[in-house]
Amino acid sequence: MSDKSEQTLQEWSQQQSNAETMVPIIGELYRDRGVIVTIFGHSLVNKSPLEILELHRIARVNVEESISTIDTYPILSEVARLDLAPARIDLGNLVTQWRAATGTTIEDFVKDELAGIATGKTSLRDNPQDVVLYGFGRIGRLVARILAGKTGGGDNLRLRAIVVRPGGDNDLAKRASLLRRDSIHGPFSGEVTVDHEDNALIINGNLVHVIYASSPEECDYSKYGIQDAIVVDNTGKWRTEEDLAKHLVPGASKVILTAPGKGDVPNIVYGVNHHGMTEAGNVLSAASCTTNAIVPVLKAVNDEFEIQSGHIESIHAFTNDQNLIDNYHRKERRGRAAPLNMVVTETGAAKAVAKCLPELQGKLTGNAIRVPTPNVSLAVMSLNLGRDTTAEALNEYLLKTSIEGDLQNQIDYSKSTEVVSSDFVGNRYAGIVDAPATIVQGSHAVLYVWYDNEFGYSRQVVRCLEELAGIVMPNFPKRNVG
């Protein structure tokens, strides 16, 4: 073996050893202190050593520079020595700032950077925020998985009930099975059992009532000991403020729709216009998956380059509102077999942008093509900018935006020339910039933004829940795009 090969093997062995040692430290910080350890926004909680190594591999300080567990492990070790309150601590950004620091030890550096995290608390709320899922389809079940995965990390959001239409025989068993197993997202990494006596599911030890109702007015959550709950309407059946307000029955205080709201219903894209949503009323919308995917990138580009006009084409996975085989459908073209056809259809995402970014009012058009894949979509954004740039400069700016600043949890960045849609199943970001596909000619730019229209969107919904519950964790170290 050559000296270089032996050195590479030793470095790999050291990195693997570090990752193995990091797993219990990350777990204890999460369970005991409610601290979420990340690397450039990617959570390391509940990850295996190999997954931690992979997240380090794809992490980028900039286009040329990367980091490894050799960099992050010493910092994590110092973090674990501190008495911390719930927070998100980004090892990637800590490494970046440590490399720039001079005249200080790593121990003092970490203490100084994390000095703003108050000690003596292990939860952001005195009492958990009750959550009710109205509807238990694709988004409802993924939101349930995410909420169940957060149990134990401060237990600040507590799923208390699921509302579904009256079912047939073995209804509870079928609901449990759909939560346990998913053809796209794989098995649920937790435990789900059926409680027939209480007509409930027990998810990771948490009893969740299953309530049968055909309309919101039939519900009374207070009968189940539920108070001031946030109701997440996953059905999309009710879109106006008047209709959605029907969810505000005893035991419920707010409702958030997982589809675009109509009329005066505020459409929220977390990371862009979520500030003040707690004062925006009791009826809210988390907009659409496509709106959530494109708005953060559009905001970032507009802030730096000033978008003059543009067109958004959504190449979208087929959904349950289409037919499996040709049959009557009330909307044009959607009656044709979804697994066999590309289907041109409308999207309100481009118009919805103006509700979140008023400065882009009237500047964008949009359309959609449903394609024969079950999940992960792609937005093609053709934009006329206010000044000339290059693909390299635009990508560098978007990379920096994805690892620093307020949109770190909304924008992901991929530099691989080999990725395809299935590589983004389970991606937790609202949208992922495909850097190698970026095209720039003068002031005209074309961006390709992938998004898991199920899981990535569900994460955005949960971020809205956290905002409404007042349990948004502070991010450390503080990040500013310069």
Protein backbone atom coordinates (compact mmCIF):
# COMPACT_ATOMS: atom_id res chain seq x y z
CA MET A 1 0.00 0.00 0.00
CA SER A 2 1.34 3.45 -0.90
CA ASP A 3 1.97 6.07 1.77
CA LYS A 4 -0.89 8.16 0.36
CA SER A 5 -3.31 5.22 0.46
CA GLU A 6 -2.31 4.39 4.02
CA GLN A 7 -2.80 8.01 5.06
CA THR A 8 -6.24 8.09 3.42
CA LEU A 9 -7.22 4.89 5.22
CA GLN A 10 -6.05 6.30 8.56
CA GLU A 11 -8.03 9.51 8.01
CA TRP A 12 -11.15 7.51 7.13
CA SER A 13 -10.70 5.33 10.21
CA GLN A 14 -10.37 8.44 12.39
CA GLN A 15 -13.44 10.06 10.85
CA GLN A 16 -15.48 6.88 11.35
CA SER A 17 -14.35 6.61 14.97
CA ASN A 18 -15.31 10.24 15.53
CA ALA A 19 -18.77 9.69 13.99
CA GLU A 20 -19.37 6.65 16.19
CA THR A 21 -18.45 8.67 19.28
CA MET A 22 -20.63 11.58 18.18
CA VAL A 23 -23.85 9.53 18.02
CA PRO A 24 -24.46 9.16 21.80
CA ILE A 25 -23.37 12.76 22.46
CA ILE A 26 -25.86 14.10 19.90
CA GLY A 27 -28.59 11.82 21.31
CA GLU A 28 -28.02 12.92 24.91
CA LEU A 29 -28.01 16.61 23.96
CA TYR A 30 -31.35 16.12 22.20
CA ARG A 31 -33.09 13.96 24.82
CA ASP A 32 -31.75 15.63 27.95
CA ARG A 33 -31.46 19.26 26.88
CA GLY A 34 -33.66 19.63 23.80
CA VAL A 35 -30.61 20.64 21.72
CA ILE A 36 -30.66 19.80 17.99
CA VAL A 37 -27.18 19.44 16.52
CA THR A 38 -26.93 20.20 12.80
CA ILE A 39 -24.31 20.64 10.11
CA PHE A 40 -25.18 23.51 7.77
CA GLY A 41 -28.84 22.99 8.56
CA HIS A 42 -28.85 19.18 8.21
CA SER A 43 -29.93 17.58 11.48
CA LEU A 44 -27.58 14.98 12.95
CA VAL A 45 -30.16 13.75 15.48
CA ASN A 46 -31.02 10.05 15.19
CA LYS A 47 -28.44 9.54 12.44
CA SER A 48 -26.12 6.54 12.18
CA PRO A 49 -22.33 6.99 12.00
CA LEU A 50 -22.39 6.41 8.24
CA GLU A 51 -25.19 8.94 7.80
CA ILE A 52 -23.19 11.47 9.82
CA LEU A 53 -20.18 10.87 7.57
CA GLU A 54 -22.32 11.31 4.46
CA LEU A 55 -23.77 14.59 5.74
CA HIS A 56 -20.23 15.80 6.35
CA ARG A 57 -19.25 14.73 2.83
CA ILE A 58 -21.94 16.84 1.17
CA ALA A 59 -21.52 19.80 3.56
CA ARG A 60 -19.74 22.74 1.94
CA VAL A 61 -18.19 25.80 3.55
CA ASN A 62 -18.03 27.21 0.02
CA VAL A 63 -17.74 25.82 -3.49
CA GLU A 64 -14.19 24.58 -2.87
CA GLU A 65 -13.98 23.93 0.88
CA SER A 66 -15.47 21.07 2.92
CA ILE A 67 -15.26 19.85 6.52
CA SER A 68 -15.02 16.46 8.24
CA THR A 69 -15.65 14.93 11.66
CA ILE A 70 -12.01 15.71 12.43
CA ASP A 71 -13.18 19.36 12.45
CA THR A 72 -16.57 18.94 14.12
CA TYR A 73 -15.88 16.33 16.81
CA PRO A 74 -13.65 18.55 19.03
CA ILE A 75 -16.27 21.31 18.88
CA LEU A 76 -19.11 18.91 19.69
CA SER A 77 -17.14 17.63 22.67
CA GLU A 78 -16.91 21.16 24.06
CA VAL A 79 -20.61 21.79 23.36
CA ALA A 80 -21.49 18.69 25.42
CA ARG A 81 -19.68 20.14 28.46
CA LEU A 82 -22.04 23.13 28.64
CA ASP A 83 -25.36 23.34 30.50
CA LEU A 84 -27.55 24.34 27.56
CA ALA A 85 -31.19 25.18 27.04
CA PRO A 86 -33.12 24.06 23.90
CA ALA A 87 -31.51 25.39 20.73
CA ARG A 88 -30.26 24.46 17.28
CA ILE A 89 -26.46 24.35 17.22
CA ASP A 90 -24.80 24.22 13.81
CA LEU A 91 -21.40 22.52 13.86
CA GLY A 92 -20.72 23.60 10.28
CA ASN A 93 -21.02 27.28 11.08
CA LEU A 94 -19.07 26.84 14.31
CA VAL A 95 -16.20 25.24 12.36
CA THR A 96 -16.25 28.09 9.84
CA GLN A 97 -16.05 30.71 12.58
CA TRP A 98 -13.44 28.73 14.55
CA ARG A 99 -11.18 28.64 11.50
CA ALA A 100 -11.37 32.43 11.35
CA ALA A 101 -10.82 32.91 15.10
CA THR A 102 -7.41 33.83 16.49
CA GLY A 103 -5.90 34.02 19.94
CA THR A 104 -8.40 31.78 21.73
CA THR A 105 -8.74 28.16 22.74
CA ILE A 106 -11.48 25.99 21.26
CA GLU A 107 -13.00 25.70 24.75
CA ASP A 108 -13.26 29.48 25.17
CA PHE A 109 -14.43 29.92 21.58
CA VAL A 110 -17.37 27.53 22.05
CA LYS A 111 -18.31 29.11 25.38
CA ASP A 112 -18.32 32.58 23.85
CA GLU A 113 -20.34 31.53 20.76
CA LEU A 114 -22.99 29.71 22.82
CA ALA A 115 -23.13 32.19 25.70
CA GLY A 116 -26.55 33.37 24.54
CA ILE A 117 -28.25 30.04 25.27
CA ALA A 118 -29.94 30.39 28.66
CA THR A 119 -29.38 27.54 31.07
CA GLY A 120 -31.72 25.85 33.53
CA LYS A 121 -34.50 25.00 31.06
CA THR A 122 -35.10 21.78 29.16
CA SER A 123 -38.30 22.87 27.40
CA LEU A 124 -39.40 26.03 25.62
CA ARG A 125 -42.94 25.77 27.04
CA ASP A 126 -44.30 24.99 30.47
CA ASN A 127 -47.01 22.85 28.84
CA PRO A 128 -46.98 21.09 25.44
CA GLN A 129 -48.95 22.59 22.57
CA ASP A 130 -51.84 20.31 21.58
CA VAL A 131 -52.14 19.53 17.86
CA VAL A 132 -55.06 17.92 15.99
CA LEU A 133 -54.74 16.52 12.47
CA TYR A 134 -57.97 16.89 10.50
CA GLY A 135 -57.44 14.38 7.72
CA PHE A 136 -54.85 11.61 7.61
CA GLY A 137 -53.70 11.42 4.01
CA ARG A 138 -50.23 11.95 2.53
CA ILE A 139 -49.43 15.19 4.38
CA GLY A 140 -51.30 14.26 7.56
CA ARG A 141 -49.34 11.05 8.05
CA LEU A 142 -46.00 12.70 7.34
CA VAL A 143 -46.77 15.51 9.79
CA ALA A 144 -47.67 12.80 12.33
CA ARG A 145 -44.30 11.10 11.71
CA ILE A 146 -42.43 14.36 12.18
CA LEU A 147 -44.30 15.23 15.38
CA ALA A 148 -43.73 11.72 16.74
CA GLY A 149 -40.03 12.03 15.98
CA LYS A 150 -39.85 15.22 18.04
CA THR A 151 -41.28 13.58 21.15
CA GLY A 152 -38.54 13.53 23.75
CA GLY A 153 -36.76 16.63 22.49
CA GLY A 154 -38.59 18.99 24.84
CA ASP A 155 -42.01 17.50 23.95
CA ASN A 156 -43.30 20.95 23.02
CA LEU A 157 -45.69 19.82 20.25
CA ARG A 158 -48.02 17.00 21.21
CA LEU A 159 -50.25 15.25 18.69
CA ARG A 160 -53.52 14.60 20.54
CA ALA A 161 -56.06 13.57 17.91
CA ILE A 162 -56.63 12.60 14.30
CA VAL A 163 -59.99 13.29 12.66
CA VAL A 164 -61.11 11.12 9.75
CA ARG A 165 -64.35 10.23 8.02
CA PRO A 166 -66.18 7.23 9.48
CA GLY A 167 -64.45 4.08 8.29
CA GLY A 168 -65.30 0.43 7.90
CA ASP A 169 -64.11 -2.73 9.60
CA ASN A 170 -60.58 -2.70 10.98
CA ASP A 171 -60.37 1.05 10.44
CA LEU A 172 -57.86 1.63 13.25
CA ALA A 173 -55.63 -1.21 12.07
CA LYS A 174 -55.64 0.20 8.55
CA ARG A 175 -54.78 3.71 9.77
CA ALA A 176 -51.96 2.29 11.89
CA SER A 177 -50.63 0.26 8.96
CA LEU A 178 -50.55 3.31 6.68
CA LEU A 179 -48.58 5.20 9.30
CA ARG A 180 -46.12 2.33 9.85
CA ARG A 181 -45.45 1.63 6.17
CA ASP A 182 -45.12 3.98 3.24
CA SER A 183 -44.30 2.98 -0.33
CA ILE A 184 -42.36 6.22 -0.89
CA HIS A 185 -40.92 7.21 2.46
CA GLY A 186 -40.31 3.73 3.86
CA PRO A 187 -41.10 2.36 7.32
CA PHE A 188 -41.85 4.63 10.27
CA SER A 189 -38.88 4.68 12.64
CA GLY A 190 -40.99 4.32 15.73
CA GLU A 191 -43.73 2.26 17.32
CA VAL A 192 -47.44 2.35 16.47
CA THR A 193 -50.00 0.24 18.32
CA VAL A 194 -53.79 0.18 18.29
CA ASP A 195 -55.84 0.94 21.41
CA HIS A 196 -59.33 -0.33 20.67
CA GLU A 197 -60.69 0.59 24.10
CA ASP A 198 -59.94 4.31 23.67
CA ASN A 199 -60.32 4.20 19.87
CA ALA A 200 -56.81 5.54 19.54
CA LEU A 201 -53.35 4.98 18.15
CA ILE A 202 -50.40 4.90 20.52
CA ILE A 203 -47.50 6.49 18.64
CA ASN A 204 -44.14 6.30 20.38
CA GLY A 205 -45.96 5.98 23.69
CA ASN A 206 -48.24 8.97 23.04
CA LEU A 207 -51.99 8.25 22.99
CA VAL A 208 -53.62 9.86 19.92
CA HIS A 209 -57.41 9.75 19.74
CA VAL A 210 -58.99 8.83 16.40
CA ILE A 211 -62.18 10.85 16.01
CA TYR A 212 -64.73 10.08 13.31
CA ALA A 213 -66.50 13.10 11.79
CA SER A 214 -67.84 14.18 8.43
CA SER A 215 -67.43 17.92 9.09
CA PRO A 216 -65.54 20.14 11.55
CA GLU A 217 -68.70 21.20 13.39
CA GLU A 218 -69.22 17.63 14.61
CA CYS A 219 -66.04 17.77 16.72
CA ASP A 220 -65.62 18.75 20.36
CA TYR A 221 -61.99 18.29 21.30
CA SER A 222 -62.50 19.39 24.88
CA LYS A 223 -64.23 16.05 25.53
CA TYR A 224 -60.83 14.43 25.08
CA GLY A 225 -59.01 16.82 27.41
CA ILE A 226 -57.64 18.79 24.48
CA GLN A 227 -57.30 22.54 24.99
CA ASP A 228 -56.25 25.44 22.74
CA ALA A 229 -55.23 23.01 20.00
CA ILE A 230 -53.89 24.00 16.62
CA VAL A 231 -55.94 22.11 14.02
CA VAL A 232 -54.06 21.16 10.85
CA ASP A 233 -56.58 20.75 8.01
CA ASN A 234 -55.01 18.29 5.56
CA THR A 235 -58.13 17.77 3.48
CA GLY A 236 -58.10 20.94 1.38
CA LYS A 237 -61.90 20.76 1.33
CA TRP A 238 -62.36 24.09 3.11
CA ARG A 239 -60.34 27.02 1.73
CA THR A 240 -62.09 30.28 2.75
CA GLU A 241 -61.82 32.02 6.11
CA GLU A 242 -65.51 31.41 6.79
CA ASP A 243 -65.28 27.68 6.08
CA LEU A 244 -62.00 27.14 7.88
CA ALA A 245 -63.33 28.92 10.97
CA LYS A 246 -65.67 25.95 11.40
CA HIS A 247 -62.67 24.11 12.84
CA LEU A 248 -62.62 26.46 15.85
CA VAL A 249 -64.81 24.22 18.01
CA PRO A 250 -64.38 23.63 21.77
CA GLY A 251 -60.76 22.66 22.46
CA ALA A 252 -59.36 24.35 19.32
CA SER A 253 -57.93 27.86 19.05
CA LYS A 254 -56.31 28.05 15.60
CA VAL A 255 -56.44 26.26 12.27
CA ILE A 256 -53.78 26.02 9.59
CA LEU A 257 -54.59 24.72 6.10
CA THR A 258 -52.11 22.59 4.15
CA ALA A 259 -53.19 24.04 0.81
CA PRO A 260 -53.48 27.56 -0.61
CA GLY A 261 -56.10 29.61 1.19
CA LYS A 262 -58.64 31.68 -0.70
CA GLY A 263 -59.73 35.26 -0.20
CA ASP A 264 -58.27 36.95 2.87
CA VAL A 265 -56.71 33.82 4.36
CA PRO A 266 -53.02 34.61 5.01
CA ASN A 267 -50.74 32.29 2.99
CA ILE A 268 -47.57 31.66 4.97
CA VAL A 269 -44.24 30.40 3.61
CA TYR A 270 -42.11 29.77 6.63
CA GLY A 271 -38.78 31.56 6.43
CA VAL A 272 -40.17 34.34 4.23
CA ASN A 273 -43.35 35.88 5.68
CA HIS A 274 -43.94 33.93 8.89
CA HIS A 275 -43.02 36.82 11.17
CA GLY A 276 -46.20 38.06 12.81
CA MET A 277 -48.24 34.97 11.92
CA THR A 278 -49.26 34.53 15.55
CA GLU A 279 -51.01 37.90 15.32
CA ALA A 280 -52.44 37.24 11.84
CA GLY A 281 -55.64 35.66 13.14
CA ASN A 282 -56.88 32.19 13.97
CA VAL A 283 -57.22 31.00 10.35
CA LEU A 284 -54.05 30.52 8.32
CA SER A 285 -52.71 28.66 5.30
CA ALA A 286 -49.28 27.07 4.80
CA ALA A 287 -49.69 27.74 1.05
CA SER A 288 -48.79 24.97 -1.42
CA CYS A 289 -45.74 22.75 -1.76
CA THR A 290 -44.70 24.52 -4.95
CA THR A 291 -45.13 27.97 -3.42
CA ASN A 292 -42.99 26.88 -0.47
CA ALA A 293 -40.32 25.56 -2.83
CA ILE A 294 -40.01 28.63 -5.03
CA VAL A 295 -40.66 31.59 -2.72
CA PRO A 296 -37.48 31.27 -0.59
CA VAL A 297 -35.28 31.04 -3.71
CA LEU A 298 -37.16 33.90 -5.37
CA LYS A 299 -36.71 36.06 -2.27
CA ALA A 300 -32.99 35.31 -2.14
CA VAL A 301 -32.51 36.08 -5.84
CA ASN A 302 -34.66 39.20 -5.72
CA ASP A 303 -32.83 40.58 -2.69
CA GLU A 304 -29.51 40.42 -4.54
CA PHE A 305 -30.36 40.72 -8.24
CA GLU A 306 -33.86 42.31 -8.36
CA ILE A 307 -36.14 40.16 -10.50
CA GLN A 308 -37.77 42.10 -13.35
CA SER A 309 -40.00 39.34 -14.70
CA GLY A 310 -40.10 35.59 -15.07
CA HIS A 311 -41.92 32.33 -15.64
CA ILE A 312 -42.17 29.33 -13.28
CA GLU A 313 -42.83 25.88 -14.72
CA SER A 314 -43.59 23.22 -12.12
CA ILE A 315 -42.80 19.66 -13.23
CA HIS A 316 -44.87 18.01 -10.55
CA ALA A 317 -45.29 14.43 -9.38
CA PHE A 318 -48.80 13.07 -9.85
CA THR A 319 -51.16 13.32 -6.87
CA ASN A 320 -54.26 11.63 -5.47
CA ASP A 321 -56.58 14.07 -7.21
CA GLN A 322 -55.72 12.44 -10.56
CA ASN A 323 -57.04 9.15 -11.90
CA LEU A 324 -54.98 5.97 -11.97
CA ILE A 325 -56.61 5.02 -15.27
CA ASP A 326 -58.69 7.08 -17.69
CA ASN A 327 -61.97 8.15 -16.12
CA TYR A 328 -64.18 11.19 -15.73
CA HIS A 329 -62.63 14.12 -13.86
CA ARG A 330 -64.15 17.56 -13.28
CA LYS A 331 -60.86 19.27 -14.24
CA GLU A 332 -59.36 19.35 -17.71
CA ARG A 333 -56.85 16.59 -18.57
CA ARG A 334 -56.65 15.20 -15.02
CA GLY A 335 -59.00 12.38 -15.95
CA ARG A 336 -56.26 10.72 -18.00
CA ALA A 337 -54.15 8.00 -16.38
CA ALA A 338 -51.60 9.67 -14.08
CA PRO A 339 -48.97 6.88 -14.20
CA LEU A 340 -48.98 6.89 -18.01
CA ASN A 341 -49.10 10.52 -19.07
CA MET A 342 -47.53 13.91 -18.71
CA VAL A 343 -50.46 16.23 -18.02
CA VAL A 344 -50.41 19.98 -18.56
CA THR A 345 -52.40 21.68 -15.82
CA GLU A 346 -52.67 24.99 -14.04
CA THR A 347 -50.87 26.10 -10.89
CA GLY A 348 -51.60 29.06 -8.69
CA ALA A 349 -48.07 29.08 -7.30
CA ALA A 350 -46.79 31.98 -9.42
CA LYS A 351 -49.73 34.19 -8.45
CA ALA A 352 -49.43 33.06 -4.83
CA VAL A 353 -45.87 34.38 -4.73
CA ALA A 354 -47.23 37.92 -4.51
CA LYS A 355 -49.05 37.09 -1.26
CA CYS A 356 -45.67 36.31 0.31
CA LEU A 357 -43.48 38.69 -1.71
CA PRO A 358 -45.63 41.72 -2.69
CA GLU A 359 -42.63 43.23 -4.51
CA LEU A 360 -43.03 40.52 -7.18
CA GLN A 361 -46.71 41.29 -7.81
CA GLY A 362 -47.49 40.91 -11.51
CA LYS A 363 -43.93 39.95 -12.47
CA LEU A 364 -44.32 36.18 -12.74
CA THR A 365 -46.34 33.71 -14.78
CA GLY A 366 -46.64 29.99 -14.11
CA ASN A 367 -47.89 26.65 -15.30
CA ALA A 368 -47.49 22.99 -14.31
CA ILE A 369 -46.93 19.59 -15.86
CA ARG A 370 -47.92 16.52 -13.85
CA VAL A 371 -45.52 13.65 -14.63
CA PRO A 372 -45.59 9.88 -13.95
CA THR A 373 -43.53 9.88 -10.75
CA PRO A 374 -45.14 9.54 -7.30
CA ASN A 375 -43.07 12.11 -5.40
CA VAL A 376 -40.44 14.86 -5.77
CA SER A 377 -41.07 17.71 -8.16
CA LEU A 378 -38.97 20.26 -10.01
CA ALA A 379 -39.54 23.98 -10.49
CA VAL A 380 -37.87 25.55 -13.52
CA MET A 381 -37.52 29.27 -12.89
CA SER A 382 -36.77 31.47 -15.91
CA LEU A 383 -35.93 34.91 -14.52
CA ASN A 384 -34.98 38.27 -16.00
CA LEU A 385 -32.72 39.99 -13.50
CA GLY A 386 -31.92 43.64 -12.86
CA ARG A 387 -28.25 43.22 -13.72
CA ASP A 388 -25.88 40.88 -15.48
CA THR A 389 -24.26 38.03 -13.59
CA THR A 390 -22.73 34.60 -14.18
CA ALA A 391 -23.81 31.08 -13.26
CA GLU A 392 -20.80 30.84 -10.92
CA ALA A 393 -21.66 34.05 -9.08
CA LEU A 394 -25.35 33.18 -8.78
CA ASN A 395 -24.58 29.68 -7.51
CA GLU A 396 -22.01 30.95 -5.01
CA TYR A 397 -24.58 33.40 -3.65
CA LEU A 398 -27.25 30.70 -3.34
CA LEU A 399 -24.79 28.33 -1.65
CA LYS A 400 -23.96 31.00 0.91
CA THR A 401 -27.65 31.68 1.43
CA SER A 402 -28.25 27.96 2.03
CA ILE A 403 -25.66 27.69 4.81
CA GLU A 404 -26.05 31.10 6.46
CA GLY A 405 -28.83 33.54 7.13
CA ASP A 406 -32.57 33.30 7.62
CA LEU A 407 -33.28 30.87 4.77
CA GLN A 408 -30.83 28.16 5.87
CA ASN A 409 -33.65 25.74 6.71
CA GLN A 410 -35.61 26.45 3.52
CA ILE A 411 -32.96 26.32 0.76
CA ASP A 412 -30.72 23.32 0.17
CA TYR A 413 -27.97 23.17 -2.43
CA SER A 414 -26.79 20.30 -4.65
CA LYS A 415 -23.59 20.42 -6.68
CA SER A 416 -23.75 16.87 -8.07
CA THR A 417 -24.15 16.38 -11.81
CA GLU A 418 -25.64 12.91 -11.25
CA VAL A 419 -28.67 13.50 -8.99
CA VAL A 420 -32.21 12.63 -10.10
CA SER A 421 -35.61 13.09 -8.49
CA SER A 422 -35.55 9.98 -6.27
CA ASP A 423 -32.37 11.25 -4.59
CA PHE A 424 -34.46 13.93 -2.89
CA VAL A 425 -37.15 11.71 -1.35
CA GLY A 426 -37.24 12.63 2.32
CA ASN A 427 -35.36 15.91 1.87
CA ARG A 428 -36.40 18.24 4.71
CA TYR A 429 -35.92 21.51 2.83
CA ALA A 430 -38.58 23.50 1.01
CA GLY A 431 -36.45 23.50 -2.14
CA ILE A 432 -33.04 22.32 -3.38
CA VAL A 433 -31.05 24.36 -5.91
CA ASP A 434 -29.53 22.12 -8.60
CA ALA A 435 -26.37 24.15 -9.12
CA PRO A 436 -24.91 22.34 -12.18
CA ALA A 437 -28.16 22.97 -14.06
CA THR A 438 -28.08 26.75 -13.53
CA ILE A 439 -27.97 28.71 -16.80
CA VAL A 440 -27.09 32.39 -17.00
CA GLN A 441 -26.83 34.57 -20.08
CA GLY A 442 -26.30 38.20 -19.19
CA SER A 443 -29.25 39.23 -17.05
CA HIS A 444 -31.33 36.14 -17.87
CA ALA A 445 -31.09 33.19 -15.48
CA VAL A 446 -32.69 29.76 -15.38
CA LEU A 447 -32.72 27.96 -12.03
CA TYR A 448 -33.77 24.36 -11.37
CA VAL A 449 -35.19 23.79 -7.89
CA TRP A 450 -36.09 20.29 -6.71
CA TYR A 451 -38.54 19.69 -3.86
CA ASP A 452 -40.02 16.75 -2.04
CA ASN A 453 -43.60 17.94 -2.44
CA GLU A 454 -44.65 15.67 0.44
CA PHE A 455 -41.95 15.57 3.13
CA GLY A 456 -40.25 18.91 2.47
CA TYR A 457 -43.64 20.60 2.53
CA SER A 458 -44.66 18.75 5.70
CA ARG A 459 -41.54 20.06 7.40
CA GLN A 460 -42.59 23.59 6.47
CA VAL A 461 -46.02 22.93 8.01
CA VAL A 462 -44.40 21.77 11.25
CA ARG A 463 -42.21 24.88 11.28
CA CYS A 464 -45.41 26.93 11.12
CA LEU A 465 -46.79 24.92 14.06
CA GLU A 466 -43.64 25.64 16.04
CA GLU A 467 -43.97 29.36 15.30
CA LEU A 468 -47.62 29.40 16.40
CA ALA A 469 -46.73 27.48 19.56
CA GLY A 470 -43.89 29.85 20.38
CA ILE A 471 -41.28 27.10 20.38
CA VAL A 472 -38.96 28.12 17.57
CA MET A 473 -35.49 27.21 18.75
CA PRO A 474 -32.78 29.87 18.60
CA ASN A 475 -29.98 29.17 16.13
CA PHE A 476 -26.34 29.25 17.20
CA PRO A 477 -23.96 30.56 16.16
CA LYS A 478 -25.71 33.65 14.89
CA ARG A 479 -25.68 33.75 11.09
CA ASN A 480 -25.53 36.68 8.75
CA VAL A 481 -25.10 36.64 5.00
CA GLY A 482 -22.40 39.12 4.11
